[in-house]
Amino acid sequence: MKKSIALAVAVVVMLFLSTASLAQDWTKEQTDLWKVVEDTWMKWKTGDIDGMATYLHDRYQGWSSDAPLPVSKVKIMEWYKSMKDVMKVSFVEVEPARITITKEAAVVDYYFSAKMTYTMGEEKKSEEISGKNVEFYIKDGGKWLLLGDMTVFKDSEDD
């Protein structure tokens, strides 16, 4: 029994250390792509919706665990613009899990969490979200553009 527990602890520690060392072993291309992910989230936090749009491919399709179908770039931008004045994001954190890059394509897996406040007239409502993202990028004109993503919100993982 003690050997099983010790082995389990060793495996967990090794997994943690291998994940923690990932960022230290990134190539320049992986680091540059991660900066795109972080910048996109910071633009969302500050309400720079047009700046966010510059990272979305025109044929973007995104799907989240709380939506029945994927949405296009046009639809997601309409939603962000409609929420811009009523939603204030106070906290964003993104933690990378894995970045895989080929010549013109990439997949980024990461964990996210955010806090926001919605103001509707006199009423304010706070919300915290977290979950996992898988994002698919293509290089277009030398720039990484988000072609598609899948977001799984934490509360959806338990279903």
C-alpha atoms as a PDB file:
ATOM      1  CA  MET A   1       0.000   0.000   0.000  1.00  0.00           C
ATOM      2  CA  LYS A   2       2.774   2.432   0.951  1.00  0.00           C
ATOM      3  CA  LYS A   3       4.594   1.615  -2.298  1.00  0.00           C
ATOM      4  CA  SER A   4       1.428   2.374  -4.307  1.00  0.00           C
ATOM      5  CA  ILE A   5       0.995   5.735  -2.598  1.00  0.00           C
ATOM      6  CA  ALA A   6       4.672   6.592  -3.079  1.00  0.00           C
ATOM      7  CA  LEU A   7       4.452   5.633  -6.757  1.00  0.00           C
ATOM      8  CA  ALA A   8       1.307   7.724  -7.243  1.00  0.00           C
ATOM      9  CA  VAL A   9       2.960  10.724  -5.580  1.00  0.00           C
ATOM     10  CA  ALA A  10       6.067  10.286  -7.757  1.00  0.00           C
ATOM     11  CA  VAL A  11       3.957  10.163 -10.926  1.00  0.00           C
ATOM     12  CA  VAL A  12       2.054  13.311  -9.937  1.00  0.00           C
ATOM     13  CA  VAL A  13       5.299  15.151  -9.145  1.00  0.00           C
ATOM     14  CA  MET A  14       6.838  14.075 -12.463  1.00  0.00           C
ATOM     15  CA  LEU A  15       3.752  15.222 -14.391  1.00  0.00           C
ATOM     16  CA  PHE A  16       3.801  18.553 -12.574  1.00  0.00           C
ATOM     17  CA  LEU A  17       7.484  19.086 -13.237  1.00  0.00           C
ATOM     18  CA  SER A  18       7.172  18.147 -16.904  1.00  0.00           C
ATOM     19  CA  THR A  19       4.273  20.587 -17.337  1.00  0.00           C
ATOM     20  CA  ALA A  20       6.076  23.327 -15.400  1.00  0.00           C
ATOM     21  CA  SER A  21       9.175  22.901 -17.506  1.00  0.00           C
ATOM     22  CA  LEU A  22       7.214  23.139 -20.757  1.00  0.00           C
ATOM     23  CA  ALA A  23       7.302  26.924 -20.888  1.00  0.00           C
ATOM     24  CA  GLN A  24      11.038  26.925 -20.237  1.00  0.00           C
ATOM     25  CA  ASP A  25      11.633  24.620 -23.205  1.00  0.00           C
ATOM     26  CA  TRP A  26       9.539  26.474 -25.754  1.00  0.00           C
ATOM     27  CA  THR A  27      10.858  27.427 -29.143  1.00  0.00           C
ATOM     28  CA  LYS A  28      10.714  31.053 -30.256  1.00  0.00           C
ATOM     29  CA  GLU A  29       7.725  30.187 -32.453  1.00  0.00           C
ATOM     30  CA  GLN A  30       5.830  28.641 -29.515  1.00  0.00           C
ATOM     31  CA  THR A  31       6.620  31.677 -27.342  1.00  0.00           C
ATOM     32  CA  ASP A  32       5.431  34.036 -30.086  1.00  0.00           C
ATOM     33  CA  LEU A  33       2.185  32.097 -30.496  1.00  0.00           C
ATOM     34  CA  TRP A  34       1.578  32.066 -26.727  1.00  0.00           C
ATOM     35  CA  LYS A  35       1.966  35.863 -26.767  1.00  0.00           C
ATOM     36  CA  VAL A  36      -0.875  35.973 -29.332  1.00  0.00           C
ATOM     37  CA  VAL A  37      -3.090  33.947 -26.961  1.00  0.00           C
ATOM     38  CA  GLU A  38      -2.252  36.212 -24.012  1.00  0.00           C
ATOM     39  CA  ASP A  39      -2.683  39.386 -26.062  1.00  0.00           C
ATOM     40  CA  THR A  40      -6.103  38.258 -27.273  1.00  0.00           C
ATOM     41  CA  TRP A  41      -7.268  37.737 -23.682  1.00  0.00           C
ATOM     42  CA  MET A  42      -5.823  41.112 -22.584  1.00  0.00           C
ATOM     43  CA  LYS A  43      -7.644  42.855 -25.434  1.00  0.00           C
ATOM     44  CA  TRP A  44     -10.864  41.201 -24.267  1.00  0.00           C
ATOM     45  CA  LYS A  45     -10.172  42.305 -20.688  1.00  0.00           C
ATOM     46  CA  THR A  46      -9.600  45.938 -21.699  1.00  0.00           C
ATOM     47  CA  GLY A  47     -12.557  45.988 -24.088  1.00  0.00           C
ATOM     48  CA  ASP A  48     -10.443  46.305 -27.249  1.00  0.00           C
ATOM     49  CA  ILE A  49     -12.850  44.232 -29.337  1.00  0.00           C
ATOM     50  CA  ASP A  50     -11.545  45.510 -32.676  1.00  0.00           C
ATOM     51  CA  GLY A  51      -8.001  44.624 -31.579  1.00  0.00           C
ATOM     52  CA  MET A  52      -9.206  41.134 -30.695  1.00  0.00           C
ATOM     53  CA  ALA A  53     -10.721  40.756 -34.140  1.00  0.00           C
ATOM     54  CA  THR A  54      -7.316  41.167 -35.776  1.00  0.00           C
ATOM     55  CA  TYR A  55      -6.371  37.725 -34.404  1.00  0.00           C
ATOM     56  CA  LEU A  56      -9.457  35.981 -35.843  1.00  0.00           C
ATOM     57  CA  HIS A  57      -9.343  34.433 -39.302  1.00  0.00           C
ATOM     58  CA  ASP A  58     -12.245  35.500 -41.537  1.00  0.00           C
ATOM     59  CA  ARG A  59     -13.401  31.846 -41.634  1.00  0.00           C
ATOM     60  CA  TYR A  60     -13.173  31.446 -37.823  1.00  0.00           C
ATOM     61  CA  GLN A  61     -15.511  28.928 -36.170  1.00  0.00           C
ATOM     62  CA  GLY A  62     -15.686  28.725 -32.379  1.00  0.00           C
ATOM     63  CA  TRP A  63     -17.661  26.350 -30.218  1.00  0.00           C
ATOM     64  CA  SER A  64     -18.168  26.318 -26.479  1.00  0.00           C
ATOM     65  CA  SER A  65     -19.698  23.774 -24.143  1.00  0.00           C
ATOM     66  CA  ASP A  66     -22.560  26.176 -23.386  1.00  0.00           C
ATOM     67  CA  ALA A  67     -23.576  26.678 -27.043  1.00  0.00           C
ATOM     68  CA  PRO A  68     -25.521  24.242 -29.221  1.00  0.00           C
ATOM     69  CA  LEU A  69     -23.594  25.109 -32.406  1.00  0.00           C
ATOM     70  CA  PRO A  70     -20.330  26.777 -33.448  1.00  0.00           C
ATOM     71  CA  VAL A  71     -20.308  30.521 -34.155  1.00  0.00           C
ATOM     72  CA  SER A  72     -18.650  32.484 -36.930  1.00  0.00           C
ATOM     73  CA  LYS A  73     -16.345  35.482 -36.654  1.00  0.00           C
ATOM     74  CA  VAL A  74     -19.272  37.776 -37.455  1.00  0.00           C
ATOM     75  CA  LYS A  75     -21.469  36.270 -34.717  1.00  0.00           C
ATOM     76  CA  ILE A  76     -18.788  36.243 -32.013  1.00  0.00           C
ATOM     77  CA  MET A  77     -17.843  39.840 -32.798  1.00  0.00           C
ATOM     78  CA  GLU A  78     -21.516  40.896 -32.599  1.00  0.00           C
ATOM     79  CA  TRP A  79     -21.729  39.245 -29.171  1.00  0.00           C
ATOM     80  CA  TYR A  80     -18.504  40.869 -27.887  1.00  0.00           C
ATOM     81  CA  LYS A  81     -19.608  44.299 -29.121  1.00  0.00           C
ATOM     82  CA  SER A  82     -23.049  43.925 -27.526  1.00  0.00           C
ATOM     83  CA  MET A  83     -21.457  42.981 -24.187  1.00  0.00           C
ATOM     84  CA  LYS A  84     -18.679  45.594 -24.270  1.00  0.00           C
ATOM     85  CA  ASP A  85     -20.624  48.297 -22.433  1.00  0.00           C
ATOM     86  CA  VAL A  86     -22.335  46.051 -19.873  1.00  0.00           C
ATOM     87  CA  MET A  87     -19.473  43.677 -19.024  1.00  0.00           C
ATOM     88  CA  LYS A  88     -16.262  44.685 -17.287  1.00  0.00           C
ATOM     89  CA  VAL A  89     -13.546  42.060 -16.925  1.00  0.00           C
ATOM     90  CA  SER A  90     -11.505  42.500 -13.754  1.00  0.00           C
ATOM     91  CA  PHE A  91      -9.275  39.423 -13.862  1.00  0.00           C
ATOM     92  CA  VAL A  92      -7.898  37.085 -16.520  1.00  0.00           C
ATOM     93  CA  GLU A  93      -5.436  34.245 -16.144  1.00  0.00           C
ATOM     94  CA  VAL A  94      -4.333  31.796 -18.819  1.00  0.00           C
ATOM     95  CA  GLU A  95      -2.019  28.847 -18.181  1.00  0.00           C
ATOM     96  CA  PRO A  96      -0.531  26.934 -21.110  1.00  0.00           C
ATOM     97  CA  ALA A  97      -0.710  23.156 -21.273  1.00  0.00           C
ATOM     98  CA  ARG A  98       0.685  22.390 -24.714  1.00  0.00           C
ATOM     99  CA  ILE A  99       1.566  24.119 -27.980  1.00  0.00           C
ATOM    100  CA  THR A 100       2.145  22.092 -31.125  1.00  0.00           C
ATOM    101  CA  ILE A 101       3.299  23.876 -34.269  1.00  0.00           C
ATOM    102  CA  THR A 102       3.864  22.717 -37.815  1.00  0.00           C
ATOM    103  CA  LYS A 103       4.944  24.917 -40.694  1.00  0.00           C
ATOM    104  CA  GLU A 104       1.638  26.763 -41.183  1.00  0.00           C
ATOM    105  CA  ALA A 105      -0.661  25.378 -38.443  1.00  0.00           C
ATOM    106  CA  ALA A 106      -0.726  25.158 -34.665  1.00  0.00           C
ATOM    107  CA  VAL A 107      -2.787  23.827 -31.773  1.00  0.00           C
ATOM    108  CA  VAL A 108      -2.719  25.515 -28.362  1.00  0.00           C
ATOM    109  CA  ASP A 109      -4.217  23.842 -25.287  1.00  0.00           C
ATOM    110  CA  TYR A 110      -4.595  25.878 -22.111  1.00  0.00           C
ATOM    111  CA  TYR A 111      -6.574  26.549 -18.955  1.00  0.00           C
ATOM    112  CA  PHE A 112      -8.276  29.887 -18.367  1.00  0.00           C
ATOM    113  CA  SER A 113     -10.076  31.727 -15.589  1.00  0.00           C
ATOM    114  CA  ALA A 114     -11.679  35.151 -15.502  1.00  0.00           C
ATOM    115  CA  LYS A 115     -13.858  37.377 -13.331  1.00  0.00           C
ATOM    116  CA  MET A 116     -16.318  39.863 -14.726  1.00  0.00           C
ATOM    117  CA  THR A 117     -19.146  42.121 -13.624  1.00  0.00           C
ATOM    118  CA  TYR A 118     -22.284  42.755 -15.638  1.00  0.00           C
ATOM    119  CA  THR A 119     -24.131  46.040 -15.133  1.00  0.00           C
ATOM    120  CA  MET A 120     -27.731  46.242 -16.290  1.00  0.00           C
ATOM    121  CA  GLY A 121     -29.202  49.549 -15.184  1.00  0.00           C
ATOM    122  CA  GLU A 122     -28.896  49.630 -11.386  1.00  0.00           C
ATOM    123  CA  GLU A 123     -28.254  45.900 -11.095  1.00  0.00           C
ATOM    124  CA  LYS A 124     -24.742  44.419 -10.955  1.00  0.00           C
ATOM    125  CA  LYS A 125     -23.913  40.747 -11.189  1.00  0.00           C
ATOM    126  CA  SER A 126     -20.458  39.198 -10.788  1.00  0.00           C
ATOM    127  CA  GLU A 127     -19.399  35.985 -12.443  1.00  0.00           C
ATOM    128  CA  GLU A 128     -16.308  33.803 -12.440  1.00  0.00           C
ATOM    129  CA  ILE A 129     -15.576  31.470 -15.322  1.00  0.00           C
ATOM    130  CA  SER A 130     -12.896  28.873 -15.886  1.00  0.00           C
ATOM    131  CA  GLY A 131     -12.204  25.985 -18.159  1.00  0.00           C
ATOM    132  CA  LYS A 132     -10.074  24.630 -20.960  1.00  0.00           C
ATOM    133  CA  ASN A 133      -9.504  25.895 -24.496  1.00  0.00           C
ATOM    134  CA  VAL A 134      -8.198  24.139 -27.558  1.00  0.00           C
ATOM    135  CA  GLU A 135      -7.346  26.680 -30.257  1.00  0.00           C
ATOM    136  CA  PHE A 136      -6.390  25.994 -33.878  1.00  0.00           C
ATOM    137  CA  TYR A 137      -4.244  28.600 -35.614  1.00  0.00           C
ATOM    138  CA  ILE A 138      -3.016  29.008 -39.158  1.00  0.00           C
ATOM    139  CA  LYS A 139      -0.251  31.254 -40.350  1.00  0.00           C
ATOM    140  CA  ASP A 140      -1.623  33.738 -42.859  1.00  0.00           C
ATOM    141  CA  GLY A 141       0.693  36.390 -44.283  1.00  0.00           C
ATOM    142  CA  GLY A 142       3.263  35.624 -41.583  1.00  0.00           C
ATOM    143  CA  LYS A 143       0.715  36.200 -38.770  1.00  0.00           C
ATOM    144  CA  TRP A 144      -0.949  33.595 -36.564  1.00  0.00           C
ATOM    145  CA  LEU A 145      -4.745  33.753 -36.921  1.00  0.00           C
ATOM    146  CA  LEU A 146      -7.285  31.805 -34.890  1.00  0.00           C
ATOM    147  CA  LEU A 147      -9.201  29.551 -37.284  1.00  0.00           C
ATOM    148  CA  GLY A 148     -11.215  27.632 -34.703  1.00  0.00           C
ATOM    149  CA  ASP A 149     -11.516  26.782 -31.043  1.00  0.00           C
ATOM    150  CA  MET A 150     -13.366  24.634 -28.559  1.00  0.00           C
ATOM    151  CA  THR A 151     -14.034  25.948 -25.064  1.00  0.00           C
ATOM    152  CA  VAL A 152     -15.094  23.672 -22.239  1.00  0.00           C
ATOM    153  CA  PHE A 153     -16.296  25.566 -19.179  1.00  0.00           C
ATOM    154  CA  LYS A 154     -15.453  23.997 -15.827  1.00  0.00           C
ATOM    155  CA  ASP A 155     -19.061  23.466 -14.761  1.00  0.00           C
ATOM    156  CA  SER A 156     -19.657  21.628 -18.046  1.00  0.00           C
ATOM    157  CA  GLU A 157     -16.807  19.195 -17.345  1.00  0.00           C
ATOM    158  CA  ASP A 158     -18.800  17.721 -14.457  1.00  0.00           C
ATOM    159  CA  ASP A 159     -21.826  16.868 -16.619  1.00  0.00           C
END
